[in-house]
């Protein structure tokens, strides 16, 4: 009756996002033919010219952070500025906390 929901995939070099049905096969960017990164269904695409937002997104994705819905609350906290990312990376290094976990921490102690 209902079709499968779509989820977001991103090409970081092209700064492009695509909504596609979820599946186990590898997806390729239609622009550059590189592999797309599955980012989740709660992903909000930054503007292509927003260099800082794409740099932050690159750090998050390379650390393994994704944007999946957690019930009705959305994906939870994600840093939006390079300063927030730097603060969380420094905290992870000082405490030994995994980087992915430190990046999604809403407040630093």
PDB file of N, CA and C in Angstrom:
ATOM      1  N   UNK A   1       0.819  -1.178   0.000  1.00  0.00           N
ATOM      2  CA  UNK A   1       0.000   0.000   0.000  1.00  0.00           C
ATOM      3  C   UNK A   1       0.875   1.259   0.000  1.00  0.00           C
ATOM      4  N   UNK A   2       1.793   1.378   0.960  1.00  0.00           N
ATOM      5  CA  UNK A   2       2.687   2.521   1.013  1.00  0.00           C
ATOM      6  C   UNK A   2       4.050   2.117   0.480  1.00  0.00           C
ATOM      7  N   UNK A   3       4.708   3.026  -0.246  1.00  0.00           N
ATOM      8  CA  UNK A   3       6.053   2.771  -0.751  1.00  0.00           C
ATOM      9  C   UNK A   3       7.075   2.921   0.357  1.00  0.00           C
ATOM     10  N   UNK A   4       8.256   2.489   0.080  1.00  0.00           N
ATOM     11  CA  UNK A   4       9.329   2.632   1.051  1.00  0.00           C
ATOM     12  C   UNK A   4       9.731   4.100   1.154  1.00  0.00           C
ATOM     13  N   UNK A   5      10.066   4.520   2.361  1.00  0.00           N
ATOM     14  CA  UNK A   5      10.517   5.895   2.566  1.00  0.00           C
ATOM     15  C   UNK A   5      11.881   6.121   1.954  1.00  0.00           C
ATOM     16  N   UNK A   6      12.162   7.365   1.678  1.00  0.00           N
ATOM     17  CA  UNK A   6      13.463   7.708   1.114  1.00  0.00           C
ATOM     18  C   UNK A   6      14.351   8.288   2.193  1.00  0.00           C
ATOM     19  N   UNK A   7      15.634   8.176   1.984  1.00  0.00           N
ATOM     20  CA  UNK A   7      16.629   8.674   2.913  1.00  0.00           C
ATOM     21  C   UNK A   7      17.673   9.464   2.124  1.00  0.00           C
ATOM     22  N   UNK A   8      18.484  10.251   2.799  1.00  0.00           N
ATOM     23  CA  UNK A   8      19.439  11.133   2.126  1.00  0.00           C
ATOM     24  C   UNK A   8      20.810  10.490   1.961  1.00  0.00           C
ATOM     25  N   UNK A   9      21.422  10.794   0.827  1.00  0.00           N
ATOM     26  CA  UNK A   9      22.785  10.406   0.500  1.00  0.00           C
ATOM     27  C   UNK A   9      23.510  11.665   0.053  1.00  0.00           C
ATOM     28  N   UNK A  10      24.805  11.785   0.391  1.00  0.00           N
ATOM     29  CA  UNK A  10      25.554  13.005   0.116  1.00  0.00           C
ATOM     30  C   UNK A  10      26.841  12.686  -0.635  1.00  0.00           C
ATOM     31  N   UNK A  11      27.191  13.591  -1.552  1.00  0.00           N
ATOM     32  CA  UNK A  11      28.508  13.583  -2.180  1.00  0.00           C
ATOM     33  C   UNK A  11      29.228  14.808  -1.638  1.00  0.00           C
ATOM     34  N   UNK A  12      30.236  14.604  -0.789  1.00  0.00           N
ATOM     35  CA  UNK A  12      30.961  15.726  -0.187  1.00  0.00           C
ATOM     36  C   UNK A  12      31.742  16.557  -1.207  1.00  0.00           C
ATOM     37  N   UNK A  13      32.470  15.941  -2.160  1.00  0.00           N
ATOM     38  CA  UNK A  13      33.204  16.769  -3.122  1.00  0.00           C
ATOM     39  C   UNK A  13      32.287  17.661  -3.983  1.00  0.00           C
ATOM     40  N   UNK A  14      31.111  17.168  -4.343  1.00  0.00           N
ATOM     41  CA  UNK A  14      30.181  17.936  -5.180  1.00  0.00           C
ATOM     42  C   UNK A  14      29.252  18.829  -4.351  1.00  0.00           C
ATOM     43  N   UNK A  15      29.229  18.610  -3.032  1.00  0.00           N
ATOM     44  CA  UNK A  15      28.304  19.331  -2.150  1.00  0.00           C
ATOM     45  C   UNK A  15      26.863  19.162  -2.624  1.00  0.00           C
ATOM     46  N   UNK A  16      26.497  17.909  -2.847  1.00  0.00           N
ATOM     47  CA  UNK A  16      25.172  17.601  -3.345  1.00  0.00           C
ATOM     48  C   UNK A  16      24.529  16.533  -2.480  1.00  0.00           C
ATOM     49  N   UNK A  17      23.202  16.602  -2.362  1.00  0.00           N
ATOM     50  CA  UNK A  17      22.445  15.628  -1.579  1.00  0.00           C
ATOM     51  C   UNK A  17      21.342  15.039  -2.457  1.00  0.00           C
ATOM     52  N   UNK A  18      21.089  13.748  -2.280  1.00  0.00           N
ATOM     53  CA  UNK A  18      20.084  13.054  -3.073  1.00  0.00           C
ATOM     54  C   UNK A  18      19.206  12.221  -2.153  1.00  0.00           C
ATOM     55  N   UNK A  19      17.892  12.263  -2.363  1.00  0.00           N
ATOM     56  CA  UNK A  19      16.961  11.403  -1.634  1.00  0.00           C
ATOM     57  C   UNK A  19      16.716  10.172  -2.487  1.00  0.00           C
ATOM     58  N   UNK A  20      16.969   9.004  -1.883  1.00  0.00           N
ATOM     59  CA  UNK A  20      16.789   7.752  -2.605  1.00  0.00           C
ATOM     60  C   UNK A  20      16.249   6.702  -1.657  1.00  0.00           C
ATOM     61  N   UNK A  21      15.600   5.659  -2.200  1.00  0.00           N
ATOM     62  CA  UNK A  21      15.130   4.573  -1.339  1.00  0.00           C
ATOM     63  C   UNK A  21      16.312   3.901  -0.646  1.00  0.00           C
ATOM     64  N   UNK A  22      16.109   3.480   0.597  1.00  0.00           N
ATOM     65  CA  UNK A  22      17.160   2.820   1.353  1.00  0.00           C
ATOM     66  C   UNK A  22      17.372   1.416   0.812  1.00  0.00           C
ATOM     67  N   UNK A  23      18.606   0.978   0.757  1.00  0.00           N
ATOM     68  CA  UNK A  23      18.933  -0.369   0.307  1.00  0.00           C
ATOM     69  C   UNK A  23      20.396  -0.659   0.553  1.00  0.00           C
ATOM     70  N   UNK A  24      20.816  -1.890   0.288  1.00  0.00           N
ATOM     71  CA  UNK A  24      22.182  -2.324   0.567  1.00  0.00           C
ATOM     72  C   UNK A  24      23.151  -2.073  -0.583  1.00  0.00           C
ATOM     73  N   UNK A  25      22.685  -1.616  -1.725  1.00  0.00           N
ATOM     74  CA  UNK A  25      23.572  -1.420  -2.854  1.00  0.00           C
ATOM     75  C   UNK A  25      24.289  -0.071  -2.768  1.00  0.00           C
ATOM     76  N   UNK A  26      25.451  -0.014  -3.412  1.00  0.00           N
ATOM     77  CA  UNK A  26      26.244   1.211  -3.391  1.00  0.00           C
ATOM     78  C   UNK A  26      25.683   2.212  -4.391  1.00  0.00           C
ATOM     79  N   UNK A  27      25.582   3.453  -3.962  1.00  0.00           N
ATOM     80  CA  UNK A  27      25.089   4.513  -4.828  1.00  0.00           C
ATOM     81  C   UNK A  27      26.250   5.387  -5.277  1.00  0.00           C
ATOM     82  N   UNK A  28      26.169   5.879  -6.485  1.00  0.00           N
ATOM     83  CA  UNK A  28      27.209   6.722  -7.068  1.00  0.00           C
ATOM     84  C   UNK A  28      26.647   8.104  -7.372  1.00  0.00           C
ATOM     85  N   UNK A  29      27.481   9.106  -7.217  1.00  0.00           N
ATOM     86  CA  UNK A  29      27.096  10.483  -7.524  1.00  0.00           C
ATOM     87  C   UNK A  29      26.900  10.620  -9.033  1.00  0.00           C
ATOM     88  N   UNK A  30      25.776  11.200  -9.463  1.00  0.00           N
ATOM     89  CA  UNK A  30      25.579  11.383 -10.901  1.00  0.00           C
ATOM     90  C   UNK A  30      26.530  12.418 -11.521  1.00  0.00           C
ATOM     91  N   UNK A  31      27.161  13.252 -10.695  1.00  0.00           N
ATOM     92  CA  UNK A  31      28.075  14.274 -11.211  1.00  0.00           C
ATOM     93  C   UNK A  31      29.496  13.761 -11.368  1.00  0.00           C
ATOM     94  N   UNK A  32      30.021  13.117 -10.292  1.00  0.00           N
ATOM     95  CA  UNK A  32      31.441  12.741 -10.296  1.00  0.00           C
ATOM     96  C   UNK A  32      31.681  11.231 -10.231  1.00  0.00           C
ATOM     97  N   UNK A  33      30.641  10.444 -10.069  1.00  0.00           N
ATOM     98  CA  UNK A  33      30.706   8.974 -10.016  1.00  0.00           C
ATOM     99  C   UNK A  33      31.384   8.423  -8.764  1.00  0.00           C
ATOM    100  N   UNK A  34      31.618   9.264  -7.746  1.00  0.00           N
ATOM    101  CA  UNK A  34      32.157   8.765  -6.479  1.00  0.00           C
ATOM    102  C   UNK A  34      31.023   8.166  -5.648  1.00  0.00           C
ATOM    103  N   UNK A  35      31.394   7.349  -4.669  1.00  0.00           N
ATOM    104  CA  UNK A  35      30.393   6.730  -3.812  1.00  0.00           C
ATOM    105  C   UNK A  35      29.697   7.786  -2.954  1.00  0.00           C
ATOM    106  N   UNK A  36      28.370   7.669  -2.821  1.00  0.00           N
ATOM    107  CA  UNK A  36      27.593   8.562  -1.961  1.00  0.00           C
ATOM    108  C   UNK A  36      27.635   8.046  -0.533  1.00  0.00           C
ATOM    109  N   UNK A  37      27.550   8.952   0.432  1.00  0.00           N
ATOM    110  CA  UNK A  37      27.547   8.615   1.853  1.00  0.00           C
ATOM    111  C   UNK A  37      26.107   8.657   2.358  1.00  0.00           C
ATOM    112  N   UNK A  38      25.667   7.582   2.991  1.00  0.00           N
ATOM    113  CA  UNK A  38      24.324   7.550   3.570  1.00  0.00           C
ATOM    114  C   UNK A  38      24.325   8.396   4.840  1.00  0.00           C
ATOM    115  N   UNK A  39      23.499   9.461   4.885  1.00  0.00           N
ATOM    116  CA  UNK A  39      23.506  10.364   6.029  1.00  0.00           C
ATOM    117  C   UNK A  39      22.255  10.246   6.887  1.00  0.00           C
ATOM    118  N   UNK A  40      21.194   9.617   6.402  1.00  0.00           N
ATOM    119  CA  UNK A  40      19.991   9.425   7.205  1.00  0.00           C
ATOM    120  C   UNK A  40      18.832  10.284   6.732  1.00  0.00           C
ATOM    121  N   UNK A  41      17.668   9.967   7.254  1.00  0.00           N
ATOM    122  CA  UNK A  41      16.438  10.618   6.792  1.00  0.00           C
ATOM    123  C   UNK A  41      16.172  11.956   7.463  1.00  0.00           C
ATOM    124  N   UNK A  42      16.873  12.302   8.541  1.00  0.00           N
ATOM    125  CA  UNK A  42      16.649  13.572   9.240  1.00  0.00           C
ATOM    126  C   UNK A  42      17.711  14.605   8.886  1.00  0.00           C
ATOM    127  N   UNK A  43      18.298  14.471   7.714  1.00  0.00           N
ATOM    128  CA  UNK A  43      19.387  15.345   7.290  1.00  0.00           C
ATOM    129  C   UNK A  43      18.850  16.612   6.629  1.00  0.00           C
ATOM    130  N   UNK A  44      19.399  17.756   7.013  1.00  0.00           N
ATOM    131  CA  UNK A  44      19.073  19.034   6.380  1.00  0.00           C
ATOM    132  C   UNK A  44      20.296  19.490   5.589  1.00  0.00           C
ATOM    133  N   UNK A  45      20.131  19.689   4.311  1.00  0.00           N
ATOM    134  CA  UNK A  45      21.239  20.011   3.416  1.00  0.00           C
ATOM    135  C   UNK A  45      21.673  21.466   3.597  1.00  0.00           C
ATOM    136  N   UNK A  46      22.975  21.707   3.834  1.00  0.00           N
ATOM    137  CA  UNK A  46      23.448  23.099   3.871  1.00  0.00           C
ATOM    138  C   UNK A  46      23.492  23.672   2.447  1.00  0.00           C
ATOM    139  N   UNK A  47      23.493  24.984   2.365  1.00  0.00           N
ATOM    140  CA  UNK A  47      23.622  25.627   1.048  1.00  0.00           C
ATOM    141  C   UNK A  47      24.990  25.278   0.458  1.00  0.00           C
ATOM    142  N   UNK A  48      25.031  25.131  -0.844  1.00  0.00           N
ATOM    143  CA  UNK A  48      26.264  24.718  -1.521  1.00  0.00           C
ATOM    144  C   UNK A  48      27.412  25.695  -1.273  1.00  0.00           C
ATOM    145  N   UNK A  49      27.131  26.972  -1.122  1.00  0.00           N
ATOM    146  CA  UNK A  49      28.183  27.975  -0.929  1.00  0.00           C
ATOM    147  C   UNK A  49      28.606  28.147   0.524  1.00  0.00           C
ATOM    148  N   UNK A  50      27.965  27.455   1.438  1.00  0.00           N
ATOM    149  CA  UNK A  50      28.280  27.583   2.865  1.00  0.00           C
ATOM    150  C   UNK A  50      29.477  26.687   3.208  1.00  0.00           C
ATOM    151  N   UNK A  51      30.672  27.237   3.026  1.00  0.00           N
ATOM    152  CA  UNK A  51      31.905  26.465   3.224  1.00  0.00           C
ATOM    153  C   UNK A  51      32.010  25.888   4.633  1.00  0.00           C
ATOM    154  N   UNK A  52      31.701  26.692   5.638  1.00  0.00           N
ATOM    155  CA  UNK A  52      31.830  26.242   7.024  1.00  0.00           C
ATOM    156  C   UNK A  52      30.904  25.066   7.309  1.00  0.00           C
ATOM    157  N   UNK A  53      29.658  25.152   6.865  1.00  0.00           N
ATOM    158  CA  UNK A  53      28.701  24.067   7.112  1.00  0.00           C
ATOM    159  C   UNK A  53      29.149  22.767   6.456  1.00  0.00           C
ATOM    160  N   UNK A  54      29.715  22.834   5.256  1.00  0.00           N
ATOM    161  CA  UNK A  54      30.181  21.630   4.584  1.00  0.00           C
ATOM    162  C   UNK A  54      31.436  21.064   5.239  1.00  0.00           C
ATOM    163  N   UNK A  55      32.284  21.929   5.794  1.00  0.00           N
ATOM    164  CA  UNK A  55      33.462  21.439   6.536  1.00  0.00           C
ATOM    165  C   UNK A  55      33.022  20.732   7.812  1.00  0.00           C
ATOM    166  N   UNK A  56      32.048  21.311   8.523  1.00  0.00           N
ATOM    167  CA  UNK A  56      31.504  20.676   9.729  1.00  0.00           C
ATOM    168  C   UNK A  56      30.876  19.340   9.365  1.00  0.00           C
ATOM    169  N   UNK A  57      30.087  19.316   8.296  1.00  0.00           N
ATOM    170  CA  UNK A  57      29.442  18.078   7.857  1.00  0.00           C
ATOM    171  C   UNK A  57      30.481  17.018   7.514  1.00  0.00           C
ATOM    172  N   UNK A  58      31.559  17.410   6.871  1.00  0.00           N
ATOM    173  CA  UNK A  58      32.620  16.477   6.516  1.00  0.00           C
ATOM    174  C   UNK A  58      33.242  15.842   7.759  1.00  0.00           C
ATOM    175  N   UNK A  59      33.503  16.650   8.786  1.00  0.00           N
ATOM    176  CA  UNK A  59      34.062  16.124  10.042  1.00  0.00           C
ATOM    177  C   UNK A  59      33.085  15.142  10.673  1.00  0.00           C
ATOM    178  N   UNK A  60      31.810  15.511  10.726  1.00  0.00           N
ATOM    179  CA  UNK A  60      30.796  14.636  11.334  1.00  0.00           C
ATOM    180  C   UNK A  60      30.705  13.304  10.601  1.00  0.00           C
ATOM    181  N   UNK A  61      30.607  13.346   9.273  1.00  0.00           N
ATOM    182  CA  UNK A  61      30.459  12.110   8.503  1.00  0.00           C
ATOM    183  C   UNK A  61      31.701  11.238   8.580  1.00  0.00           C
ATOM    184  N   UNK A  62      32.875  11.850   8.548  1.00  0.00           N
ATOM    185  CA  UNK A  62      34.115  11.069   8.654  1.00  0.00           C
ATOM    186  C   UNK A  62      34.293  10.456  10.038  1.00  0.00           C
ATOM    187  N   UNK A  63      33.643  11.033  11.056  1.00  0.00           N
ATOM    188  CA  UNK A  63      33.691  10.467  12.408  1.00  0.00           C
ATOM    189  C   UNK A  63      32.616   9.391  12.604  1.00  0.00           C
ATOM    190  N   UNK A  64      31.750   9.224  11.611  1.00  0.00           N
ATOM    191  CA  UNK A  64      30.712   8.197  11.708  1.00  0.00           C
ATOM    192  C   UNK A  64      29.375   8.698  12.233  1.00  0.00           C
ATOM    193  N   UNK A  65      29.216  10.005  12.399  1.00  0.00           N
ATOM    194  CA  UNK A  65      27.957  10.573  12.891  1.00  0.00           C
ATOM    195  C   UNK A  65      26.985  10.661  11.721  1.00  0.00           C
ATOM    196  N   UNK A  66      25.747  10.212  11.946  1.00  0.00           N
ATOM    197  CA  UNK A  66      24.712  10.271  10.918  1.00  0.00           C
ATOM    198  C   UNK A  66      23.490  10.998  11.459  1.00  0.00           C
ATOM    199  N   UNK A  67      22.506  11.211  10.611  1.00  0.00           N
ATOM    200  CA  UNK A  67      21.328  11.998  10.945  1.00  0.00           C
ATOM    201  C   UNK A  67      20.065  11.142  10.837  1.00  0.00           C
ATOM    202  N   UNK A  68      19.959  10.157  11.706  1.00  0.00           N
ATOM    203  CA  UNK A  68      18.790   9.283  11.726  1.00  0.00           C
ATOM    204  C   UNK A  68      17.796   9.799  12.757  1.00  0.00           C
ATOM    205  N   UNK A  69      16.532   9.611  12.468  1.00  0.00           N
ATOM    206  CA  UNK A  69      15.494  10.041  13.409  1.00  0.00           C
ATOM    207  C   UNK A  69      15.519   9.145  14.637  1.00  0.00           C
ATOM    208  N   UNK A  70      15.375   9.756  15.794  1.00  0.00           N
ATOM    209  CA  UNK A  70      15.240   9.009  17.043  1.00  0.00           C
ATOM    210  C   UNK A  70      13.837   9.279  17.552  1.00  0.00           C
ATOM    211  N   UNK A  71      12.895   8.505  17.041  1.00  0.00           N
ATOM    212  CA  UNK A  71      11.474   8.694  17.323  1.00  0.00           C
ATOM    213  C   UNK A  71      11.059  10.070  16.829  1.00  0.00           C
ATOM    214  N   UNK A  72      10.440  10.862  17.661  1.00  0.00           N
ATOM    215  CA  UNK A  72       9.907  12.164  17.227  1.00  0.00           C
ATOM    216  C   UNK A  72      10.865  13.309  17.471  1.00  0.00           C
ATOM    217  N   UNK A  73      11.951  13.069  18.165  1.00  0.00           N
ATOM    218  CA  UNK A  73      12.869  14.139  18.524  1.00  0.00           C
ATOM    219  C   UNK A  73      13.906  14.470  17.472  1.00  0.00           C
ATOM    220  N   UNK A  74      13.936  13.776  16.352  1.00  0.00           N
ATOM    221  CA  UNK A  74      14.947  14.018  15.338  1.00  0.00           C
ATOM    222  C   UNK A  74      16.266  13.361  15.702  1.00  0.00           C
ATOM    223  N   UNK A  75      17.343  13.753  15.050  1.00  0.00           N
ATOM    224  CA  UNK A  75      18.622  13.076  15.253  1.00  0.00           C
ATOM    225  C   UNK A  75      19.353  13.483  16.520  1.00  0.00           C
ATOM    226  N   UNK A  76      18.880  14.507  17.218  1.00  0.00           N
ATOM    227  CA  UNK A  76      19.585  14.978  18.400  1.00  0.00           C
ATOM    228  C   UNK A  76      20.533  16.107  18.046  1.00  0.00           C
ATOM    229  N   UNK A  77      21.368  16.470  18.992  1.00  0.00           N
ATOM    230  CA  UNK A  77      22.279  17.597  18.798  1.00  0.00           C
ATOM    231  C   UNK A  77      23.365  17.264  17.778  1.00  0.00           C
ATOM    232  N   UNK A  78      23.663  18.206  16.907  1.00  0.00           N
ATOM    233  CA  UNK A  78      24.792  18.144  15.995  1.00  0.00           C
ATOM    234  C   UNK A  78      25.442  19.522  15.973  1.00  0.00           C
ATOM    235  N   UNK A  79      26.774  19.623  16.057  1.00  0.00           N
ATOM    236  CA  UNK A  79      27.426  20.935  15.999  1.00  0.00           C
ATOM    237  C   UNK A  79      27.211  21.580  14.636  1.00  0.00           C
ATOM    238  N   UNK A  80      27.107  22.912  14.636  1.00  0.00           N
ATOM    239  CA  UNK A  80      26.865  23.636  13.395  1.00  0.00           C
ATOM    240  C   UNK A  80      28.028  24.543  12.990  1.00  0.00           C
ATOM    241  N   UNK A  81      28.944  24.805  13.911  1.00  0.00           N
ATOM    242  CA  UNK A  81      30.068  25.689  13.591  1.00  0.00           C
ATOM    243  C   UNK A  81      31.387  24.962  13.806  1.00  0.00           C
ATOM    244  N   UNK A  82      32.429  25.475  13.158  1.00  0.00           N
ATOM    245  CA  UNK A  82      33.757  24.879  13.324  1.00  0.00           C
ATOM    246  C   UNK A  82      34.258  25.040  14.754  1.00  0.00           C
ATOM    247  N   UNK A  83      33.875  26.118  15.412  1.00  0.00           N
ATOM    248  CA  UNK A  83      34.273  26.315  16.807  1.00  0.00           C
ATOM    249  C   UNK A  83      33.690  25.221  17.700  1.00  0.00           C
ATOM    250  N   UNK A  84      32.405  24.889  17.496  1.00  0.00           N
ATOM    251  CA  UNK A  84      31.790  23.812  18.276  1.00  0.00           C
ATOM    252  C   UNK A  84      32.499  22.484  18.006  1.00  0.00           C
ATOM    253  N   UNK A  85      32.862  22.247  16.759  1.00  0.00           N
ATOM    254  CA  UNK A  85      33.571  21.011  16.404  1.00  0.00           C
ATOM    255  C   UNK A  85      34.938  20.984  17.080  1.00  0.00           C
ATOM    256  N   UNK A  86      35.693  22.085  17.001  1.00  0.00           N
ATOM    257  CA  UNK A  86      37.018  22.139  17.631  1.00  0.00           C
ATOM    258  C   UNK A  86      36.930  21.915  19.140  1.00  0.00           C
ATOM    259  N   UNK A  87      35.937  22.536  19.789  1.00  0.00           N
ATOM    260  CA  UNK A  87      35.769  22.360  21.232  1.00  0.00           C
ATOM    261  C   UNK A  87      35.508  20.903  21.582  1.00  0.00           C
ATOM    262  N   UNK A  88      34.676  20.248  20.791  1.00  0.00           N
ATOM    263  CA  UNK A  88      34.331  18.855  21.072  1.00  0.00           C
ATOM    264  C   UNK A  88      35.493  17.912  20.760  1.00  0.00           C
ATOM    265  N   UNK A  89      36.264  18.214  19.720  1.00  0.00           N
ATOM    266  CA  UNK A  89      37.443  17.403  19.415  1.00  0.00           C
ATOM    267  C   UNK A  89      38.499  17.545  20.501  1.00  0.00           C
ATOM    268  N   UNK A  90      38.682  18.754  21.020  1.00  0.00           N
ATOM    269  CA  UNK A  90      39.633  18.962  22.123  1.00  0.00           C
ATOM    270  C   UNK A  90      39.170  18.225  23.371  1.00  0.00           C
ATOM    271  N   UNK A  91      37.867  18.248  23.637  1.00  0.00           N
ATOM    272  CA  UNK A  91      37.315  17.530  24.789  1.00  0.00           C
ATOM    273  C   UNK A  91      37.542  16.024  24.632  1.00  0.00           C
ATOM    274  N   UNK A  92      37.320  15.504  23.434  1.00  0.00           N
ATOM    275  CA  UNK A  92      37.523  14.070  23.188  1.00  0.00           C
ATOM    276  C   UNK A  92      38.985  13.684  23.407  1.00  0.00           C
ATOM    277  N   UNK A  93      39.886  14.526  22.952  1.00  0.00           N
ATOM    278  CA  UNK A  93      41.311  14.236  23.125  1.00  0.00           C
ATOM    279  C   UNK A  93      41.716  14.293  24.596  1.00  0.00           C
ATOM    280  N   UNK A  94      41.176  15.265  25.331  1.00  0.00           N
ATOM    281  CA  UNK A  94      41.548  15.426  26.742  1.00  0.00           C
ATOM    282  C   UNK A  94      40.968  14.331  27.626  1.00  0.00           C
ATOM    283  N   UNK A  95      39.781  13.841  27.299  1.00  0.00           N
ATOM    284  CA  UNK A  95      39.116  12.861  28.167  1.00  0.00           C
ATOM    285  C   UNK A  95      39.214  11.432  27.670  1.00  0.00           C
ATOM    286  N   UNK A  96      39.561  11.239  26.402  1.00  0.00           N
ATOM    287  CA  UNK A  96      39.610   9.888  25.850  1.00  0.00           C
ATOM    288  C   UNK A  96      38.255   9.403  25.369  1.00  0.00           C
ATOM    289  N   UNK A  97      37.260  10.274  25.391  1.00  0.00           N
ATOM    290  CA  UNK A  97      35.928   9.906  24.897  1.00  0.00           C
ATOM    291  C   UNK A  97      36.006   9.727  23.377  1.00  0.00           C
ATOM    292  N   UNK A  98      35.275   8.739  22.815  1.00  0.00           N
ATOM    293  CA  UNK A  98      35.285   8.566  21.360  1.00  0.00           C
ATOM    294  C   UNK A  98      34.830   9.858  20.657  1.00  0.00           C
ATOM    295  N   UNK A  99      35.460  10.158  19.530  1.00  0.00           N
ATOM    296  CA  UNK A  99      35.180  11.406  18.814  1.00  0.00           C
ATOM    297  C   UNK A  99      33.719  11.516  18.421  1.00  0.00           C
ATOM    298  N   UNK A 100      33.136  10.437  17.885  1.00  0.00           N
ATOM    299  CA  UNK A 100      31.731  10.479  17.464  1.00  0.00           C
ATOM    300  C   UNK A 100      30.810  10.817  18.631  1.00  0.00           C
ATOM    301  N   UNK A 101      31.112  10.286  19.790  1.00  0.00           N
ATOM    302  CA  UNK A 101      30.303  10.542  20.981  1.00  0.00           C
ATOM    303  C   UNK A 101      30.481  11.987  21.459  1.00  0.00           C
ATOM    304  N   UNK A 102      31.699  12.495  21.425  1.00  0.00           N
ATOM    305  CA  UNK A 102      31.952  13.864  21.850  1.00  0.00           C
ATOM    306  C   UNK A 102      31.304  14.874  20.897  1.00  0.00           C
ATOM    307  N   UNK A 103      31.261  14.556  19.613  1.00  0.00           N
ATOM    308  CA  UNK A 103      30.680  15.480  18.635  1.00  0.00           C
ATOM    309  C   UNK A 103      29.175  15.667  18.828  1.00  0.00           C
ATOM    310  N   UNK A 104      28.474  14.653  19.299  1.00  0.00           N
ATOM    311  CA  UNK A 104      27.020  14.770  19.475  1.00  0.00           C
ATOM    312  C   UNK A 104      26.630  15.165  20.902  1.00  0.00           C
ATOM    313  N   UNK A 105      27.621  15.436  21.743  1.00  0.00           N
ATOM    314  CA  UNK A 105      27.369  15.877  23.111  1.00  0.00           C
ATOM    315  C   UNK A 105      26.837  17.311  23.062  1.00  0.00           C
ATOM    316  N   UNK A 106      25.650  17.558  23.629  1.00  0.00           N
ATOM    317  CA  UNK A 106      25.033  18.868  23.550  1.00  0.00           C
ATOM    318  C   UNK A 106      25.809  19.921  24.329  1.00  0.00           C
ATOM    319  N   UNK A 107      26.229  19.582  25.529  1.00  0.00           N
ATOM    320  CA  UNK A 107      26.994  20.534  26.348  1.00  0.00           C
ATOM    321  C   UNK A 107      28.262  19.866  26.849  1.00  0.00           C
ATOM    322  N   UNK A 108      29.321  20.635  26.875  1.00  0.00           N
ATOM    323  CA  UNK A 108      30.575  20.130  27.418  1.00  0.00           C
ATOM    324  C   UNK A 108      30.660  20.473  28.897  1.00  0.00           C
ATOM    325  N   UNK A 109      31.147  19.522  29.718  1.00  0.00           N
ATOM    326  CA  UNK A 109      31.260  19.799  31.154  1.00  0.00           C
ATOM    327  C   UNK A 109      32.331  20.831  31.461  1.00  0.00           C
TER     328      UNK A 109
END
